[in-house]
């Protein structure tokens, strides 16, 4: 799906009820700590998902969020409003899946039971965020405050830190860092305003463009 970003985290299975064919856990977990990521050019930045990020999308999309296997839209095992419950709580994005009696569903149940699938990912677009540089312009931080959620995925590779962001811009964080640094001595004295202004510039680099 065009412009969709993905993140993977360790799958926190709170319960696996094989008789009722239910899998429960968290597709995203909130944390005070940032996770290091890289853009497509290898430049590093730091990111975290803020509490409340899923509230609007869950309120507005009552049946058009899906659960897939390994981001494969040919392997749909859940749909909100049918056999998939999604809710945001103080921990993160909680899911409860009643696994369908299909080939993909049965494979998922067996792979979770055997520990072959230990991760969960979610596919989304960022609709709002807070961004900032540190004072040395070395590190860039992004707090995702609102997303448009499309899918959650069971995956055998929960490697959030290895996720690569595919941005539509041809610029890199390295280029934008040089543009963001204040050139005028008076501008340097008002560093907080400069950091805010230029973090907003970089935010526009990450935000999806409307077609």
C-alpha atoms as a PDB file:
ATOM      1  CA  UNK A   1       0.000   0.000   0.000  1.00  0.00           C
ATOM      2  CA  UNK A   2       1.481   3.336  -1.100  1.00  0.00           C
ATOM      3  CA  UNK A   3       3.220   5.446   1.572  1.00  0.00           C
ATOM      4  CA  UNK A   4       2.458   2.927   4.337  1.00  0.00           C
ATOM      5  CA  UNK A   5       5.115   2.521   7.001  1.00  0.00           C
ATOM      6  CA  UNK A   6       5.639  -0.613   9.075  1.00  0.00           C
ATOM      7  CA  UNK A   7       7.055  -1.305  12.515  1.00  0.00           C
ATOM      8  CA  UNK A   8       7.744  -4.657  14.184  1.00  0.00           C
ATOM      9  CA  UNK A   9       7.844  -5.421  17.889  1.00  0.00           C
ATOM     10  CA  UNK A  10       8.098  -8.539  20.003  1.00  0.00           C
ATOM     11  CA  UNK A  11       4.691 -10.193  20.123  1.00  0.00           C
ATOM     12  CA  UNK A  12       3.366 -10.092  23.663  1.00  0.00           C
ATOM     13  CA  UNK A  13       0.958 -13.026  23.777  1.00  0.00           C
ATOM     14  CA  UNK A  14      -1.025 -12.710  26.962  1.00  0.00           C
ATOM     15  CA  UNK A  15      -3.020 -15.859  26.265  1.00  0.00           C
ATOM     16  CA  UNK A  16      -3.372 -18.599  23.672  1.00  0.00           C
ATOM     17  CA  UNK A  17      -6.634 -20.531  23.980  1.00  0.00           C
ATOM     18  CA  UNK A  18      -6.451 -23.357  21.464  1.00  0.00           C
ATOM     19  CA  UNK A  19      -9.926 -24.674  22.264  1.00  0.00           C
ATOM     20  CA  UNK A  20     -11.524 -21.286  21.573  1.00  0.00           C
ATOM     21  CA  UNK A  21      -8.908 -20.534  18.886  1.00  0.00           C
ATOM     22  CA  UNK A  22      -8.053 -17.151  20.409  1.00  0.00           C
ATOM     23  CA  UNK A  23      -4.752 -15.270  20.369  1.00  0.00           C
ATOM     24  CA  UNK A  24      -4.418 -12.165  22.529  1.00  0.00           C
ATOM     25  CA  UNK A  25      -1.538  -9.744  22.845  1.00  0.00           C
ATOM     26  CA  UNK A  26      -0.120  -6.352  21.859  1.00  0.00           C
ATOM     27  CA  UNK A  27       0.766  -5.225  18.352  1.00  0.00           C
ATOM     28  CA  UNK A  28       2.433  -2.056  19.711  1.00  0.00           C
ATOM     29  CA  UNK A  29       3.688  -1.195  23.181  1.00  0.00           C
ATOM     30  CA  UNK A  30       4.165   2.342  24.471  1.00  0.00           C
ATOM     31  CA  UNK A  31       7.517   3.211  26.009  1.00  0.00           C
ATOM     32  CA  UNK A  32       9.333   6.250  27.377  1.00  0.00           C
ATOM     33  CA  UNK A  33      12.419   5.099  25.496  1.00  0.00           C
ATOM     34  CA  UNK A  34      13.170   5.927  21.878  1.00  0.00           C
ATOM     35  CA  UNK A  35      14.071   3.262  19.312  1.00  0.00           C
ATOM     36  CA  UNK A  36      16.891   3.902  16.838  1.00  0.00           C
ATOM     37  CA  UNK A  37      15.844   3.641  13.188  1.00  0.00           C
ATOM     38  CA  UNK A  38      17.401   4.626   9.891  1.00  0.00           C
ATOM     39  CA  UNK A  39      16.082   6.222   6.734  1.00  0.00           C
ATOM     40  CA  UNK A  40      16.674   4.679   3.316  1.00  0.00           C
ATOM     41  CA  UNK A  41      20.097   6.340   3.098  1.00  0.00           C
ATOM     42  CA  UNK A  42      21.286   4.912   6.397  1.00  0.00           C
ATOM     43  CA  UNK A  43      21.005   8.107   8.467  1.00  0.00           C
ATOM     44  CA  UNK A  44      19.935   7.368  12.041  1.00  0.00           C
ATOM     45  CA  UNK A  45      17.078   8.920  13.977  1.00  0.00           C
ATOM     46  CA  UNK A  46      15.009   8.032  17.045  1.00  0.00           C
ATOM     47  CA  UNK A  47      11.318   7.322  17.319  1.00  0.00           C
ATOM     48  CA  UNK A  48       8.585   6.258  19.709  1.00  0.00           C
ATOM     49  CA  UNK A  49       4.812   5.842  19.511  1.00  0.00           C
ATOM     50  CA  UNK A  50       2.960   8.023  22.016  1.00  0.00           C
ATOM     51  CA  UNK A  51      -0.122   7.012  24.018  1.00  0.00           C
ATOM     52  CA  UNK A  52      -3.238   8.112  22.166  1.00  0.00           C
ATOM     53  CA  UNK A  53      -1.710   7.556  18.722  1.00  0.00           C
ATOM     54  CA  UNK A  54      -4.293   4.912  17.809  1.00  0.00           C
ATOM     55  CA  UNK A  55      -7.356   6.494  19.416  1.00  0.00           C
ATOM     56  CA  UNK A  56      -8.690   8.404  16.398  1.00  0.00           C
ATOM     57  CA  UNK A  57      -8.124   5.678  13.821  1.00  0.00           C
ATOM     58  CA  UNK A  58      -9.799   3.068  16.037  1.00  0.00           C
ATOM     59  CA  UNK A  59     -12.736   5.416  16.568  1.00  0.00           C
ATOM     60  CA  UNK A  60     -13.189   6.131  12.869  1.00  0.00           C
ATOM     61  CA  UNK A  61     -12.360   2.751  11.269  1.00  0.00           C
ATOM     62  CA  UNK A  62     -14.707   0.209  12.785  1.00  0.00           C
ATOM     63  CA  UNK A  63     -14.262  -2.575  10.237  1.00  0.00           C
ATOM     64  CA  UNK A  64     -11.463  -1.714   7.790  1.00  0.00           C
ATOM     65  CA  UNK A  65      -8.417  -2.764   9.799  1.00  0.00           C
ATOM     66  CA  UNK A  66      -7.107  -6.242   9.118  1.00  0.00           C
ATOM     67  CA  UNK A  67      -4.794  -8.839  10.603  1.00  0.00           C
ATOM     68  CA  UNK A  68      -2.393 -10.442   8.132  1.00  0.00           C
ATOM     69  CA  UNK A  69       0.435 -12.927   8.132  1.00  0.00           C
ATOM     70  CA  UNK A  70       3.767 -11.298   7.302  1.00  0.00           C
ATOM     71  CA  UNK A  71       2.122  -8.238   5.667  1.00  0.00           C
ATOM     72  CA  UNK A  72       0.683 -10.461   2.934  1.00  0.00           C
ATOM     73  CA  UNK A  73      -2.742  -9.189   1.836  1.00  0.00           C
ATOM     74  CA  UNK A  74      -3.391 -12.636   0.359  1.00  0.00           C
ATOM     75  CA  UNK A  75      -3.221 -14.063   3.893  1.00  0.00           C
ATOM     76  CA  UNK A  76      -5.939 -12.213   5.803  1.00  0.00           C
ATOM     77  CA  UNK A  77      -6.765 -13.945   9.099  1.00  0.00           C
ATOM     78  CA  UNK A  78      -8.723 -11.184  10.829  1.00  0.00           C
ATOM     79  CA  UNK A  79     -10.875  -8.126  10.287  1.00  0.00           C
ATOM     80  CA  UNK A  80     -12.054  -5.606  12.821  1.00  0.00           C
ATOM     81  CA  UNK A  81     -15.799  -5.896  13.310  1.00  0.00           C
ATOM     82  CA  UNK A  82     -15.660  -9.613  12.504  1.00  0.00           C
ATOM     83  CA  UNK A  83     -13.109 -11.750  14.348  1.00  0.00           C
ATOM     84  CA  UNK A  84     -10.524  -9.110  15.359  1.00  0.00           C
ATOM     85  CA  UNK A  85     -10.766  -6.860  18.409  1.00  0.00           C
ATOM     86  CA  UNK A  86      -8.404  -3.879  18.571  1.00  0.00           C
ATOM     87  CA  UNK A  87      -8.214  -1.366  21.389  1.00  0.00           C
ATOM     88  CA  UNK A  88      -5.715   1.057  22.827  1.00  0.00           C
ATOM     89  CA  UNK A  89      -5.035   0.869  26.555  1.00  0.00           C
ATOM     90  CA  UNK A  90      -2.285   2.150  28.848  1.00  0.00           C
ATOM     91  CA  UNK A  91       0.115  -0.537  27.607  1.00  0.00           C
ATOM     92  CA  UNK A  92      -0.316  -0.130  23.863  1.00  0.00           C
ATOM     93  CA  UNK A  93      -2.370  -1.456  20.959  1.00  0.00           C
ATOM     94  CA  UNK A  94      -4.083  -4.590  22.216  1.00  0.00           C
ATOM     95  CA  UNK A  95      -5.521  -7.219  19.901  1.00  0.00           C
ATOM     96  CA  UNK A  96      -7.697 -10.287  20.323  1.00  0.00           C
ATOM     97  CA  UNK A  97      -8.004 -12.589  17.309  1.00  0.00           C
ATOM     98  CA  UNK A  98     -10.464 -15.438  16.967  1.00  0.00           C
ATOM     99  CA  UNK A  99      -8.455 -17.541  14.528  1.00  0.00           C
ATOM    100  CA  UNK A 100     -10.457 -18.684  11.491  1.00  0.00           C
ATOM    101  CA  UNK A 101     -10.595 -22.373  10.567  1.00  0.00           C
ATOM    102  CA  UNK A 102      -8.721 -21.841   7.322  1.00  0.00           C
ATOM    103  CA  UNK A 103      -5.337 -23.008   6.072  1.00  0.00           C
ATOM    104  CA  UNK A 104      -3.717 -19.684   6.977  1.00  0.00           C
ATOM    105  CA  UNK A 105      -5.542 -19.515  10.305  1.00  0.00           C
ATOM    106  CA  UNK A 106      -4.576 -23.043  11.308  1.00  0.00           C
ATOM    107  CA  UNK A 107      -0.969 -22.422  10.279  1.00  0.00           C
ATOM    108  CA  UNK A 108      -0.901 -19.254  12.386  1.00  0.00           C
ATOM    109  CA  UNK A 109      -2.302 -21.022  15.450  1.00  0.00           C
ATOM    110  CA  UNK A 110       0.257 -23.820  15.163  1.00  0.00           C
ATOM    111  CA  UNK A 111       3.173 -21.462  14.511  1.00  0.00           C
ATOM    112  CA  UNK A 112       2.316 -19.314  17.530  1.00  0.00           C
ATOM    113  CA  UNK A 113       1.913 -22.398  19.704  1.00  0.00           C
ATOM    114  CA  UNK A 114       5.312 -23.715  18.599  1.00  0.00           C
ATOM    115  CA  UNK A 115       7.023 -20.359  19.000  1.00  0.00           C
ATOM    116  CA  UNK A 116       7.829 -20.009  15.300  1.00  0.00           C
ATOM    117  CA  UNK A 117       5.958 -16.702  15.144  1.00  0.00           C
ATOM    118  CA  UNK A 118       7.041 -14.380  17.940  1.00  0.00           C
ATOM    119  CA  UNK A 119       6.510 -10.943  16.510  1.00  0.00           C
ATOM    120  CA  UNK A 120       3.839  -8.503  15.523  1.00  0.00           C
ATOM    121  CA  UNK A 121       3.979  -5.548  13.153  1.00  0.00           C
ATOM    122  CA  UNK A 122       1.559  -2.801  12.224  1.00  0.00           C
ATOM    123  CA  UNK A 123       1.125  -0.943   8.939  1.00  0.00           C
ATOM    124  CA  UNK A 124       0.146   2.721   9.114  1.00  0.00           C
ATOM    125  CA  UNK A 125       0.474   6.291   7.894  1.00  0.00           C
ATOM    126  CA  UNK A 126       1.562   9.044  10.252  1.00  0.00           C
ATOM    127  CA  UNK A 127      -1.043  11.795  10.492  1.00  0.00           C
ATOM    128  CA  UNK A 128       0.482  13.772  13.351  1.00  0.00           C
ATOM    129  CA  UNK A 129       3.817  13.912  15.164  1.00  0.00           C
ATOM    130  CA  UNK A 130       6.194  15.938  17.324  1.00  0.00           C
ATOM    131  CA  UNK A 131       9.794  16.309  16.173  1.00  0.00           C
ATOM    132  CA  UNK A 132      12.987  17.842  17.553  1.00  0.00           C
ATOM    133  CA  UNK A 133      16.763  17.967  17.190  1.00  0.00           C
ATOM    134  CA  UNK A 134      19.088  17.754  20.151  1.00  0.00           C
ATOM    135  CA  UNK A 135      21.166  20.873  20.824  1.00  0.00           C
ATOM    136  CA  UNK A 136      24.145  19.609  18.817  1.00  0.00           C
ATOM    137  CA  UNK A 137      22.008  18.739  15.769  1.00  0.00           C
ATOM    138  CA  UNK A 138      23.390  15.225  16.025  1.00  0.00           C
ATOM    139  CA  UNK A 139      20.215  13.319  16.843  1.00  0.00           C
ATOM    140  CA  UNK A 140      16.703  13.739  15.508  1.00  0.00           C
ATOM    141  CA  UNK A 141      13.695  12.579  17.546  1.00  0.00           C
ATOM    142  CA  UNK A 142      10.179  11.811  16.379  1.00  0.00           C
ATOM    143  CA  UNK A 143       7.169  11.189  18.629  1.00  0.00           C
ATOM    144  CA  UNK A 144       4.319   9.634  16.636  1.00  0.00           C
ATOM    145  CA  UNK A 145       1.143  11.085  18.145  1.00  0.00           C
ATOM    146  CA  UNK A 146      -1.487   9.993  15.604  1.00  0.00           C
ATOM    147  CA  UNK A 147      -1.644   7.317  12.902  1.00  0.00           C
ATOM    148  CA  UNK A 148      -3.990   5.962  10.276  1.00  0.00           C
ATOM    149  CA  UNK A 149      -3.846   2.217  10.965  1.00  0.00           C
ATOM    150  CA  UNK A 150      -4.343  -0.266   8.100  1.00  0.00           C
ATOM    151  CA  UNK A 151      -3.245  -3.620   9.431  1.00  0.00           C
ATOM    152  CA  UNK A 152      -1.550  -5.616  12.141  1.00  0.00           C
ATOM    153  CA  UNK A 153       0.588  -8.569  11.182  1.00  0.00           C
ATOM    154  CA  UNK A 154       1.905 -11.730  12.782  1.00  0.00           C
ATOM    155  CA  UNK A 155       5.537 -12.076  11.756  1.00  0.00           C
ATOM    156  CA  UNK A 156       8.473 -14.354  12.599  1.00  0.00           C
ATOM    157  CA  UNK A 157      10.913 -11.413  12.504  1.00  0.00           C
ATOM    158  CA  UNK A 158      10.144  -8.833  15.232  1.00  0.00           C
ATOM    159  CA  UNK A 159      13.083  -6.561  14.398  1.00  0.00           C
ATOM    160  CA  UNK A 160      11.837  -3.022  15.062  1.00  0.00           C
ATOM    161  CA  UNK A 161      15.360  -1.635  15.212  1.00  0.00           C
ATOM    162  CA  UNK A 162      16.105  -2.948  11.726  1.00  0.00           C
ATOM    163  CA  UNK A 163      13.071  -1.283  10.180  1.00  0.00           C
ATOM    164  CA  UNK A 164      13.890   1.038   7.304  1.00  0.00           C
ATOM    165  CA  UNK A 165      11.750   4.088   6.624  1.00  0.00           C
ATOM    166  CA  UNK A 166      10.893   4.641   2.990  1.00  0.00           C
ATOM    167  CA  UNK A 167      10.394   8.357   2.534  1.00  0.00           C
ATOM    168  CA  UNK A 168       9.146   9.994  -0.654  1.00  0.00           C
ATOM    169  CA  UNK A 169      11.562  12.899  -0.467  1.00  0.00           C
ATOM    170  CA  UNK A 170      14.952  12.748  -2.166  1.00  0.00           C
ATOM    171  CA  UNK A 171      16.536  14.604   0.773  1.00  0.00           C
ATOM    172  CA  UNK A 172      18.264  12.841   3.640  1.00  0.00           C
ATOM    173  CA  UNK A 173      18.474  13.632   7.337  1.00  0.00           C
ATOM    174  CA  UNK A 174      22.111  14.533   6.733  1.00  0.00           C
ATOM    175  CA  UNK A 175      21.117  17.198   4.196  1.00  0.00           C
ATOM    176  CA  UNK A 176      18.346  18.580   6.364  1.00  0.00           C
ATOM    177  CA  UNK A 177      20.651  18.736   9.374  1.00  0.00           C
ATOM    178  CA  UNK A 178      22.913  21.161   7.509  1.00  0.00           C
ATOM    179  CA  UNK A 179      19.920  23.238   6.442  1.00  0.00           C
ATOM    180  CA  UNK A 180      18.594  23.279  10.005  1.00  0.00           C
ATOM    181  CA  UNK A 181      21.753  24.610  11.689  1.00  0.00           C
ATOM    182  CA  UNK A 182      21.496  28.345  12.431  1.00  0.00           C
ATOM    183  CA  UNK A 183      23.918  30.463  10.392  1.00  0.00           C
ATOM    184  CA  UNK A 184      23.438  33.853  12.064  1.00  0.00           C
ATOM    185  CA  UNK A 185      25.003  34.495  15.531  1.00  0.00           C
ATOM    186  CA  UNK A 186      21.773  36.113  16.775  1.00  0.00           C
ATOM    187  CA  UNK A 187      19.851  33.111  15.525  1.00  0.00           C
ATOM    188  CA  UNK A 188      22.119  30.862  17.604  1.00  0.00           C
ATOM    189  CA  UNK A 189      21.167  32.794  20.735  1.00  0.00           C
ATOM    190  CA  UNK A 190      17.536  31.907  20.174  1.00  0.00           C
ATOM    191  CA  UNK A 191      18.302  28.218  19.908  1.00  0.00           C
ATOM    192  CA  UNK A 192      14.977  26.829  21.133  1.00  0.00           C
ATOM    193  CA  UNK A 193      13.008  28.605  18.422  1.00  0.00           C
ATOM    194  CA  UNK A 194      15.502  27.429  15.820  1.00  0.00           C
ATOM    195  CA  UNK A 195      15.276  23.815  16.968  1.00  0.00           C
ATOM    196  CA  UNK A 196      11.490  23.924  16.863  1.00  0.00           C
ATOM    197  CA  UNK A 197      11.308  25.595  13.455  1.00  0.00           C
ATOM    198  CA  UNK A 198      13.764  23.257  11.807  1.00  0.00           C
ATOM    199  CA  UNK A 199      12.327  20.154  13.434  1.00  0.00           C
ATOM    200  CA  UNK A 200       9.068  21.153  11.765  1.00  0.00           C
ATOM    201  CA  UNK A 201      10.953  21.366   8.475  1.00  0.00           C
ATOM    202  CA  UNK A 202      12.174  17.818   8.903  1.00  0.00           C
ATOM    203  CA  UNK A 203       8.717  16.711  10.001  1.00  0.00           C
ATOM    204  CA  UNK A 204       7.383  17.680   6.588  1.00  0.00           C
ATOM    205  CA  UNK A 205      10.015  15.371   5.095  1.00  0.00           C
ATOM    206  CA  UNK A 206       8.491  12.399   6.917  1.00  0.00           C
ATOM    207  CA  UNK A 207       4.798  13.272   6.675  1.00  0.00           C
ATOM    208  CA  UNK A 208       2.926  11.592   3.813  1.00  0.00           C
ATOM    209  CA  UNK A 209       2.015  13.810   0.885  1.00  0.00           C
ATOM    210  CA  UNK A 210      -1.587  14.108  -0.232  1.00  0.00           C
ATOM    211  CA  UNK A 211      -2.153  12.925  -3.779  1.00  0.00           C
END
